[in-house]
Amino acid sequence: MAGKLYIVPTPVGNLDDMTPRAIEVLKAVDTVLAEDTRTSGVLLKHFGIDTPMRSHHKFNEHEAVATVVERLQGGEVMALISDAGTPGISDPGFLLSRECRRQGIEVETLPGATAFVPALVNSGLPCDRFVFEGFLPQKKGRATRLEELKSQPLTMVFYESPLRLLRTLQQLADAFGAEREASVVREISKLHNTTHHGTLGELVEYFTANAPRGEIVIIVAGCPPVATVKVDKYAAFKHKNAKV
């Protein structure tokens, strides 16, 4: 009988965000697949979880998937966790989940912490519909992607590192216009969690003077609709046919 893979979110900051069910699953499975066993080791120890861990990260994911699937097919029950948040969201997880589905192995994803949802809701920008972009391409394709997103009407969500935040905000301002509304949220659920609202131009100015730290989510308003001018067809007809 085939085993089962659980995809388990872990806190993005405050350890109190760990759900009782997540703890229960991590204690019950045969193996925990962890993005970084050192980071996850601290988490598991905090909650008294002594389940064996196995490394599963972006540098070995392609090679590791086949072995993990084989073990699942042999009846093992495993849980996949990342350093923080929900695996698969800008973290390893997609390749394994896809291959398990292809091989008929049951996959269950627990609800839980992810950085972009609270950042989006807290931004005050429309969140009934949005696009999640994650990290922009670092070099090749970056300018092209920004050009494609310039006319995107939906609220956009980006992840960024503190070292690249200022450059990214400047590039967003250049591509979308400095007056486009945005929000920068850092250190979600941690002690020094902050949110800064303003135009892209204002945010560039702020973070030029205040170097950011911690994990960052950028929320950018969608492109506003192009204004249309209603034409009075009858008035236009009269003007066209007026006697000089």
C-alpha atoms as a PDB file:
ATOM      1  CA  MET A   1       0.000   0.000   0.000  1.00  0.00           C
ATOM      2  CA  ALA A   2       1.318   3.464  -0.944  1.00  0.00           C
ATOM      3  CA  GLY A   3       2.143   5.924   1.777  1.00  0.00           C
ATOM      4  CA  LYS A   4       1.099   9.547   2.002  1.00  0.00           C
ATOM      5  CA  LEU A   5       2.735  12.962   1.763  1.00  0.00           C
ATOM      6  CA  TYR A   6       1.665  15.797   4.030  1.00  0.00           C
ATOM      7  CA  ILE A   7       2.654  19.347   3.085  1.00  0.00           C
ATOM      8  CA  VAL A   8       2.881  21.241   6.358  1.00  0.00           C
ATOM      9  CA  PRO A   9       3.171  25.033   6.756  1.00  0.00           C
ATOM     10  CA  THR A  10       5.442  26.326   9.515  1.00  0.00           C
ATOM     11  CA  PRO A  11       5.511  29.792  11.150  1.00  0.00           C
ATOM     12  CA  VAL A  12       6.972  32.686   9.170  1.00  0.00           C
ATOM     13  CA  GLY A  13       7.920  34.399  12.418  1.00  0.00           C
ATOM     14  CA  ASN A  14       6.050  33.867  15.658  1.00  0.00           C
ATOM     15  CA  LEU A  15       6.218  30.212  16.768  1.00  0.00           C
ATOM     16  CA  ASP A  16       2.735  30.563  18.269  1.00  0.00           C
ATOM     17  CA  ASP A  17       1.430  30.512  14.691  1.00  0.00           C
ATOM     18  CA  MET A  18       2.195  26.780  14.532  1.00  0.00           C
ATOM     19  CA  THR A  19      -1.109  24.892  14.498  1.00  0.00           C
ATOM     20  CA  PRO A  20      -1.828  21.959  16.831  1.00  0.00           C
ATOM     21  CA  ARG A  21      -2.628  19.818  13.805  1.00  0.00           C
ATOM     22  CA  ALA A  22       0.729  20.588  12.192  1.00  0.00           C
ATOM     23  CA  ILE A  23       2.501  19.481  15.376  1.00  0.00           C
ATOM     24  CA  GLU A  24       0.405  16.310  15.506  1.00  0.00           C
ATOM     25  CA  VAL A  25       1.219  15.411  11.890  1.00  0.00           C
ATOM     26  CA  LEU A  26       4.951  16.046  12.284  1.00  0.00           C
ATOM     27  CA  LYS A  27       5.007  13.777  15.330  1.00  0.00           C
ATOM     28  CA  ALA A  28       3.086  11.005  13.583  1.00  0.00           C
ATOM     29  CA  VAL A  29       4.859  10.698  10.204  1.00  0.00           C
ATOM     30  CA  ASP A  30       7.819   8.412   9.544  1.00  0.00           C
ATOM     31  CA  THR A  31      10.053  11.143   8.086  1.00  0.00           C
ATOM     32  CA  VAL A  32      10.110  14.934   7.886  1.00  0.00           C
ATOM     33  CA  LEU A  33      11.524  16.357   4.649  1.00  0.00           C
ATOM     34  CA  ALA A  34      13.086  19.693   5.591  1.00  0.00           C
ATOM     35  CA  GLU A  35      14.484  22.524   3.474  1.00  0.00           C
ATOM     36  CA  ASP A  36      17.226  23.096   6.063  1.00  0.00           C
ATOM     37  CA  THR A  37      17.530  20.461   8.774  1.00  0.00           C
ATOM     38  CA  ARG A  38      19.367  22.893  11.070  1.00  0.00           C
ATOM     39  CA  THR A  39      16.603  25.505  10.908  1.00  0.00           C
ATOM     40  CA  SER A  40      13.840  22.915  11.158  1.00  0.00           C
ATOM     41  CA  GLY A  41      15.703  21.147  13.952  1.00  0.00           C
ATOM     42  CA  VAL A  42      15.193  24.198  16.171  1.00  0.00           C
ATOM     43  CA  LEU A  43      11.466  24.238  15.353  1.00  0.00           C
ATOM     44  CA  LEU A  44      10.963  20.529  15.949  1.00  0.00           C
ATOM     45  CA  LYS A  45      12.886  20.626  19.231  1.00  0.00           C
ATOM     46  CA  HIS A  46      10.741  23.554  20.417  1.00  0.00           C
ATOM     47  CA  PHE A  47       7.598  21.464  19.985  1.00  0.00           C
ATOM     48  CA  GLY A  48       9.069  18.223  21.265  1.00  0.00           C
ATOM     49  CA  ILE A  49       9.065  16.523  17.857  1.00  0.00           C
ATOM     50  CA  ASP A  50      11.735  13.836  17.441  1.00  0.00           C
ATOM     51  CA  THR A  51      10.733  12.496  14.022  1.00  0.00           C
ATOM     52  CA  PRO A  52      13.771  11.747  11.800  1.00  0.00           C
ATOM     53  CA  MET A  53      14.537  14.452   9.226  1.00  0.00           C
ATOM     54  CA  ARG A  54      15.818  14.234   5.674  1.00  0.00           C
ATOM     55  CA  SER A  55      17.142  17.152   3.627  1.00  0.00           C
ATOM     56  CA  HIS A  56      14.949  18.306   0.720  1.00  0.00           C
ATOM     57  CA  HIS A  57      15.871  21.683  -0.767  1.00  0.00           C
ATOM     58  CA  LYS A  58      16.047  23.486  -4.103  1.00  0.00           C
ATOM     59  CA  PHE A  59      19.581  22.252  -4.797  1.00  0.00           C
ATOM     60  CA  ASN A  60      18.746  18.558  -4.488  1.00  0.00           C
ATOM     61  CA  GLU A  61      15.020  18.528  -5.212  1.00  0.00           C
ATOM     62  CA  HIS A  62      15.271  17.260  -8.803  1.00  0.00           C
ATOM     63  CA  GLU A  63      17.484  14.347  -7.773  1.00  0.00           C
ATOM     64  CA  ALA A  64      15.655  13.616  -4.497  1.00  0.00           C
ATOM     65  CA  VAL A  65      12.121  13.386  -5.879  1.00  0.00           C
ATOM     66  CA  ALA A  66      12.522   9.908  -7.365  1.00  0.00           C
ATOM     67  CA  THR A  67      13.915   8.471  -4.114  1.00  0.00           C
ATOM     68  CA  VAL A  68      11.215  10.090  -1.990  1.00  0.00           C
ATOM     69  CA  VAL A  69       8.456   8.851  -4.286  1.00  0.00           C
ATOM     70  CA  GLU A  70       9.896   5.338  -4.179  1.00  0.00           C
ATOM     71  CA  ARG A  71       9.817   5.387  -0.385  1.00  0.00           C
ATOM     72  CA  LEU A  72       6.249   6.703  -0.395  1.00  0.00           C
ATOM     73  CA  GLN A  73       5.235   3.942  -2.777  1.00  0.00           C
ATOM     74  CA  GLY A  74       6.756   1.531  -0.288  1.00  0.00           C
ATOM     75  CA  GLY A  75       4.318   2.679   2.369  1.00  0.00           C
ATOM     76  CA  GLU A  76       6.151   5.446   4.230  1.00  0.00           C
ATOM     77  CA  VAL A  77       4.255   8.480   5.434  1.00  0.00           C
ATOM     78  CA  MET A  78       6.199  11.741   5.116  1.00  0.00           C
ATOM     79  CA  ALA A  79       5.765  15.439   5.818  1.00  0.00           C
ATOM     80  CA  LEU A  80       7.369  18.217   3.804  1.00  0.00           C
ATOM     81  CA  ILE A  81       8.250  21.504   5.502  1.00  0.00           C
ATOM     82  CA  SER A  82      10.224  24.564   4.418  1.00  0.00           C
ATOM     83  CA  ASP A  83      12.215  26.999   6.550  1.00  0.00           C
ATOM     84  CA  ALA A  84       9.084  29.124   6.958  1.00  0.00           C
ATOM     85  CA  GLY A  85       5.598  29.325   5.486  1.00  0.00           C
ATOM     86  CA  THR A  86       3.904  26.907   3.106  1.00  0.00           C
ATOM     87  CA  PRO A  87       6.136  24.654   0.977  1.00  0.00           C
ATOM     88  CA  GLY A  88       5.736  25.250  -2.745  1.00  0.00           C
ATOM     89  CA  ILE A  89       5.166  29.003  -2.375  1.00  0.00           C
ATOM     90  CA  SER A  90       8.592  30.284  -3.505  1.00  0.00           C
ATOM     91  CA  ASP A  91      10.029  27.242  -1.691  1.00  0.00           C
ATOM     92  CA  PRO A  92      10.713  23.615  -2.680  1.00  0.00           C
ATOM     93  CA  GLY A  93       7.635  21.417  -2.896  1.00  0.00           C
ATOM     94  CA  PHE A  94       6.019  21.753  -6.303  1.00  0.00           C
ATOM     95  CA  LEU A  95       8.100  19.066  -8.041  1.00  0.00           C
ATOM     96  CA  LEU A  96       7.447  16.499  -5.311  1.00  0.00           C
ATOM     97  CA  SER A  97       3.737  17.268  -5.105  1.00  0.00           C
ATOM     98  CA  ARG A  98       3.361  16.993  -8.878  1.00  0.00           C
ATOM     99  CA  GLU A  99       5.214  13.674  -9.076  1.00  0.00           C
ATOM    100  CA  CYS A 100       3.179  12.219  -6.213  1.00  0.00           C
ATOM    101  CA  ARG A 101      -0.022  13.141  -8.045  1.00  0.00           C
ATOM    102  CA  ARG A 102       1.313  11.537 -11.213  1.00  0.00           C
ATOM    103  CA  GLN A 103       2.160   8.342  -9.335  1.00  0.00           C
ATOM    104  CA  GLY A 104      -1.165   8.145  -7.528  1.00  0.00           C
ATOM    105  CA  ILE A 105       0.279   8.916  -4.099  1.00  0.00           C
ATOM    106  CA  GLU A 106      -2.049  10.805  -1.788  1.00  0.00           C
ATOM    107  CA  VAL A 107      -1.006  14.355  -0.956  1.00  0.00           C
ATOM    108  CA  GLU A 108      -2.649  16.450   1.747  1.00  0.00           C
ATOM    109  CA  THR A 109      -1.728  20.092   2.330  1.00  0.00           C
ATOM    110  CA  LEU A 110      -2.517  21.551   5.735  1.00  0.00           C
ATOM    111  CA  PRO A 111      -3.712  25.164   5.989  1.00  0.00           C
ATOM    112  CA  GLY A 112      -1.372  27.484   7.802  1.00  0.00           C
ATOM    113  CA  ALA A 113       1.138  30.298   7.686  1.00  0.00           C
ATOM    114  CA  THR A 114       2.210  32.027   4.498  1.00  0.00           C
ATOM    115  CA  ALA A 115       3.718  35.499   4.261  1.00  0.00           C
ATOM    116  CA  PHE A 116       1.833  37.071   1.373  1.00  0.00           C
ATOM    117  CA  VAL A 117      -1.757  36.670   2.645  1.00  0.00           C
ATOM    118  CA  PRO A 118      -1.457  38.889   5.749  1.00  0.00           C
ATOM    119  CA  ALA A 119       0.717  41.340   3.793  1.00  0.00           C
ATOM    120  CA  LEU A 120      -1.906  41.596   1.042  1.00  0.00           C
ATOM    121  CA  VAL A 121      -4.848  42.066   3.411  1.00  0.00           C
ATOM    122  CA  ASN A 122      -2.897  44.557   5.531  1.00  0.00           C
ATOM    123  CA  SER A 123      -1.934  46.660   2.496  1.00  0.00           C
ATOM    124  CA  GLY A 124      -5.387  48.172   2.092  1.00  0.00           C
ATOM    125  CA  LEU A 125      -5.190  47.511  -1.657  1.00  0.00           C
ATOM    126  CA  PRO A 126      -7.890  45.445  -3.416  1.00  0.00           C
ATOM    127  CA  CYS A 127      -7.466  41.790  -2.475  1.00  0.00           C
ATOM    128  CA  ASP A 128     -10.605  40.194  -3.926  1.00  0.00           C
ATOM    129  CA  ARG A 129      -8.488  39.360  -6.979  1.00  0.00           C
ATOM    130  CA  PHE A 130      -4.690  39.503  -7.191  1.00  0.00           C
ATOM    131  CA  VAL A 131      -1.634  37.965  -8.851  1.00  0.00           C
ATOM    132  CA  PHE A 132       1.221  36.383  -6.921  1.00  0.00           C
ATOM    133  CA  GLU A 133       4.547  36.993  -8.682  1.00  0.00           C
ATOM    134  CA  GLY A 134       6.926  35.794  -5.964  1.00  0.00           C
ATOM    135  CA  PHE A 135      10.533  36.762  -6.691  1.00  0.00           C
ATOM    136  CA  LEU A 136      11.131  38.613  -9.967  1.00  0.00           C
ATOM    137  CA  PRO A 137      13.831  37.196 -12.270  1.00  0.00           C
ATOM    138  CA  GLN A 138      17.192  38.392 -10.993  1.00  0.00           C
ATOM    139  CA  LYS A 139      18.734  39.283 -14.343  1.00  0.00           C
ATOM    140  CA  LYS A 140      17.542  37.753 -17.605  1.00  0.00           C
ATOM    141  CA  GLY A 141      13.886  38.484 -18.230  1.00  0.00           C
ATOM    142  CA  ARG A 142      13.443  40.962 -15.381  1.00  0.00           C
ATOM    143  CA  ALA A 143      12.864  44.039 -17.558  1.00  0.00           C
ATOM    144  CA  THR A 144      10.591  42.055 -19.861  1.00  0.00           C
ATOM    145  CA  ARG A 145       8.478  40.822 -16.939  1.00  0.00           C
ATOM    146  CA  LEU A 146       8.102  44.320 -15.518  1.00  0.00           C
ATOM    147  CA  GLU A 147       6.998  45.578 -18.922  1.00  0.00           C
ATOM    148  CA  GLU A 148       4.404  42.797 -19.090  1.00  0.00           C
ATOM    149  CA  LEU A 149       3.106  43.660 -15.627  1.00  0.00           C
ATOM    150  CA  LYS A 150       2.874  47.400 -16.275  1.00  0.00           C
ATOM    151  CA  SER A 151      -0.704  47.108 -17.520  1.00  0.00           C
ATOM    152  CA  GLN A 152      -1.762  44.364 -15.074  1.00  0.00           C
ATOM    153  CA  PRO A 153      -5.092  45.566 -13.583  1.00  0.00           C
ATOM    154  CA  LEU A 154      -4.962  43.318 -10.496  1.00  0.00           C
ATOM    155  CA  THR A 155      -3.054  43.927  -7.262  1.00  0.00           C
ATOM    156  CA  MET A 156       0.420  42.354  -7.507  1.00  0.00           C
ATOM    157  CA  VAL A 157       2.372  40.540  -4.797  1.00  0.00           C
ATOM    158  CA  PHE A 158       6.166  40.225  -4.826  1.00  0.00           C
ATOM    159  CA  TYR A 159       8.744  38.701  -2.484  1.00  0.00           C
ATOM    160  CA  GLU A 160      12.109  40.411  -2.097  1.00  0.00           C
ATOM    161  CA  SER A 161      15.239  40.333   0.031  1.00  0.00           C
ATOM    162  CA  PRO A 162      16.274  43.417   2.044  1.00  0.00           C
ATOM    163  CA  LEU A 163      19.478  43.784   0.014  1.00  0.00           C
ATOM    164  CA  ARG A 164      17.541  44.094  -3.253  1.00  0.00           C
ATOM    165  CA  LEU A 165      14.463  45.958  -1.996  1.00  0.00           C
ATOM    166  CA  LEU A 166      15.544  49.488  -2.914  1.00  0.00           C
ATOM    167  CA  ARG A 167      16.637  48.485  -6.421  1.00  0.00           C
ATOM    168  CA  THR A 168      13.378  46.617  -6.987  1.00  0.00           C
ATOM    169  CA  LEU A 169      11.240  49.517  -5.760  1.00  0.00           C
ATOM    170  CA  GLN A 170      13.105  51.867  -8.104  1.00  0.00           C
ATOM    171  CA  GLN A 171      12.607  49.506 -11.036  1.00  0.00           C
ATOM    172  CA  LEU A 172       8.910  49.156 -10.198  1.00  0.00           C
ATOM    173  CA  ALA A 173       8.613  52.955 -10.063  1.00  0.00           C
ATOM    174  CA  ASP A 174      10.388  53.282 -13.415  1.00  0.00           C
ATOM    175  CA  ALA A 175       8.166  50.638 -15.025  1.00  0.00           C
ATOM    176  CA  PHE A 176       4.785  51.424 -13.422  1.00  0.00           C
ATOM    177  CA  GLY A 177       5.183  55.116 -12.585  1.00  0.00           C
ATOM    178  CA  ALA A 178       6.299  56.672  -9.306  1.00  0.00           C
ATOM    179  CA  GLU A 179       2.693  57.535  -8.358  1.00  0.00           C
ATOM    180  CA  ARG A 180       1.502  53.906  -8.283  1.00  0.00           C
ATOM    181  CA  GLU A 181       0.298  52.939  -4.795  1.00  0.00           C
ATOM    182  CA  ALA A 182       2.197  50.220  -2.958  1.00  0.00           C
ATOM    183  CA  SER A 183       2.932  48.693   0.420  1.00  0.00           C
ATOM    184  CA  VAL A 184       6.090  47.152   1.872  1.00  0.00           C
ATOM    185  CA  VAL A 185       5.620  44.678   4.719  1.00  0.00           C
ATOM    186  CA  ARG A 186       8.598  43.248   6.574  1.00  0.00           C
ATOM    187  CA  GLU A 187       9.128  40.667   9.313  1.00  0.00           C
ATOM    188  CA  ILE A 188       5.510  39.426   9.277  1.00  0.00           C
ATOM    189  CA  SER A 189       4.362  38.125  12.688  1.00  0.00           C
ATOM    190  CA  LYS A 190       7.769  38.859  14.224  1.00  0.00           C
ATOM    191  CA  LEU A 191       8.589  41.360  16.978  1.00  0.00           C
ATOM    192  CA  HIS A 192       9.670  44.109  14.564  1.00  0.00           C
ATOM    193  CA  ASN A 193       6.901  43.660  11.987  1.00  0.00           C
ATOM    194  CA  THR A 194       6.330  46.915  10.076  1.00  0.00           C
ATOM    195  CA  THR A 195       4.168  48.046   7.173  1.00  0.00           C
ATOM    196  CA  HIS A 196       4.887  51.113   5.054  1.00  0.00           C
ATOM    197  CA  HIS A 197       2.235  52.484   2.690  1.00  0.00           C
ATOM    198  CA  GLY A 198       2.662  55.111  -0.024  1.00  0.00           C
ATOM    199  CA  THR A 199       3.441  55.596  -3.672  1.00  0.00           C
ATOM    200  CA  LEU A 200       6.381  53.754  -5.190  1.00  0.00           C
ATOM    201  CA  GLY A 201       8.233  57.055  -5.316  1.00  0.00           C
ATOM    202  CA  GLU A 202       7.615  57.698  -1.607  1.00  0.00           C
ATOM    203  CA  LEU A 203       8.716  54.179  -0.708  1.00  0.00           C
ATOM    204  CA  VAL A 204      11.930  54.603  -2.703  1.00  0.00           C
ATOM    205  CA  GLU A 205      12.607  57.800  -0.772  1.00  0.00           C
ATOM    206  CA  TYR A 206      11.855  56.159   2.587  1.00  0.00           C
ATOM    207  CA  PHE A 207      14.007  53.067   2.072  1.00  0.00           C
ATOM    208  CA  THR A 208      16.851  55.157   0.660  1.00  0.00           C
ATOM    209  CA  ALA A 209      17.047  56.783   4.076  1.00  0.00           C
ATOM    210  CA  ASN A 210      16.125  53.672   6.083  1.00  0.00           C
ATOM    211  CA  ALA A 211      17.926  50.457   5.168  1.00  0.00           C
ATOM    212  CA  PRO A 212      15.493  47.533   5.504  1.00  0.00           C
ATOM    213  CA  ARG A 213      16.077  44.253   7.318  1.00  0.00           C
ATOM    214  CA  GLY A 214      14.235  40.948   7.390  1.00  0.00           C
ATOM    215  CA  GLU A 215      11.956  39.130   4.968  1.00  0.00           C
ATOM    216  CA  ILE A 216       9.902  41.435   2.757  1.00  0.00           C
ATOM    217  CA  VAL A 217       6.630  41.363   0.817  1.00  0.00           C
ATOM    218  CA  ILE A 218       5.833  44.121  -1.678  1.00  0.00           C
ATOM    219  CA  ILE A 219       2.210  44.787  -2.637  1.00  0.00           C
ATOM    220  CA  VAL A 220       1.619  46.999  -5.691  1.00  0.00           C
ATOM    221  CA  ALA A 221      -1.683  48.360  -6.930  1.00  0.00           C
ATOM    222  CA  GLY A 222      -2.846  47.257 -10.346  1.00  0.00           C
ATOM    223  CA  CYS A 223      -2.876  49.567 -13.337  1.00  0.00           C
ATOM    224  CA  PRO A 224      -5.828  51.961 -13.049  1.00  0.00           C
ATOM    225  CA  PRO A 225      -8.373  51.783 -15.862  1.00  0.00           C
ATOM    226  CA  VAL A 226      -7.810  54.170 -18.750  1.00  0.00           C
ATOM    227  CA  ALA A 227     -10.169  57.112 -18.521  1.00  0.00           C
ATOM    228  CA  THR A 228     -12.740  57.249 -21.295  1.00  0.00           C
ATOM    229  CA  VAL A 229     -14.464  60.361 -22.591  1.00  0.00           C
ATOM    230  CA  LYS A 230     -18.159  59.997 -23.341  1.00  0.00           C
ATOM    231  CA  VAL A 231     -19.084  61.586 -26.645  1.00  0.00           C
ATOM    232  CA  ASP A 232     -22.490  63.173 -27.208  1.00  0.00           C
ATOM    233  CA  LYS A 233     -23.108  61.817 -30.715  1.00  0.00           C
ATOM    234  CA  TYR A 234     -26.007  64.173 -31.378  1.00  0.00           C
ATOM    235  CA  ALA A 235     -23.964  67.229 -30.354  1.00  0.00           C
ATOM    236  CA  ALA A 236     -21.064  66.039 -32.496  1.00  0.00           C
ATOM    237  CA  PHE A 237     -23.429  65.591 -35.460  1.00  0.00           C
ATOM    238  CA  LYS A 238     -24.843  69.100 -35.012  1.00  0.00           C
ATOM    239  CA  HIS A 239     -21.342  70.567 -34.791  1.00  0.00           C
ATOM    240  CA  LYS A 240     -20.231  68.726 -37.924  1.00  0.00           C
ATOM    241  CA  ASN A 241     -23.226  69.948 -39.912  1.00  0.00           C
ATOM    242  CA  ALA A 242     -23.433  73.470 -38.517  1.00  0.00           C
ATOM    243  CA  LYS A 243     -23.537  76.267 -41.081  1.00  0.00           C
ATOM    244  CA  VAL A 244     -20.524  78.528 -41.164  1.00  0.00           C
END
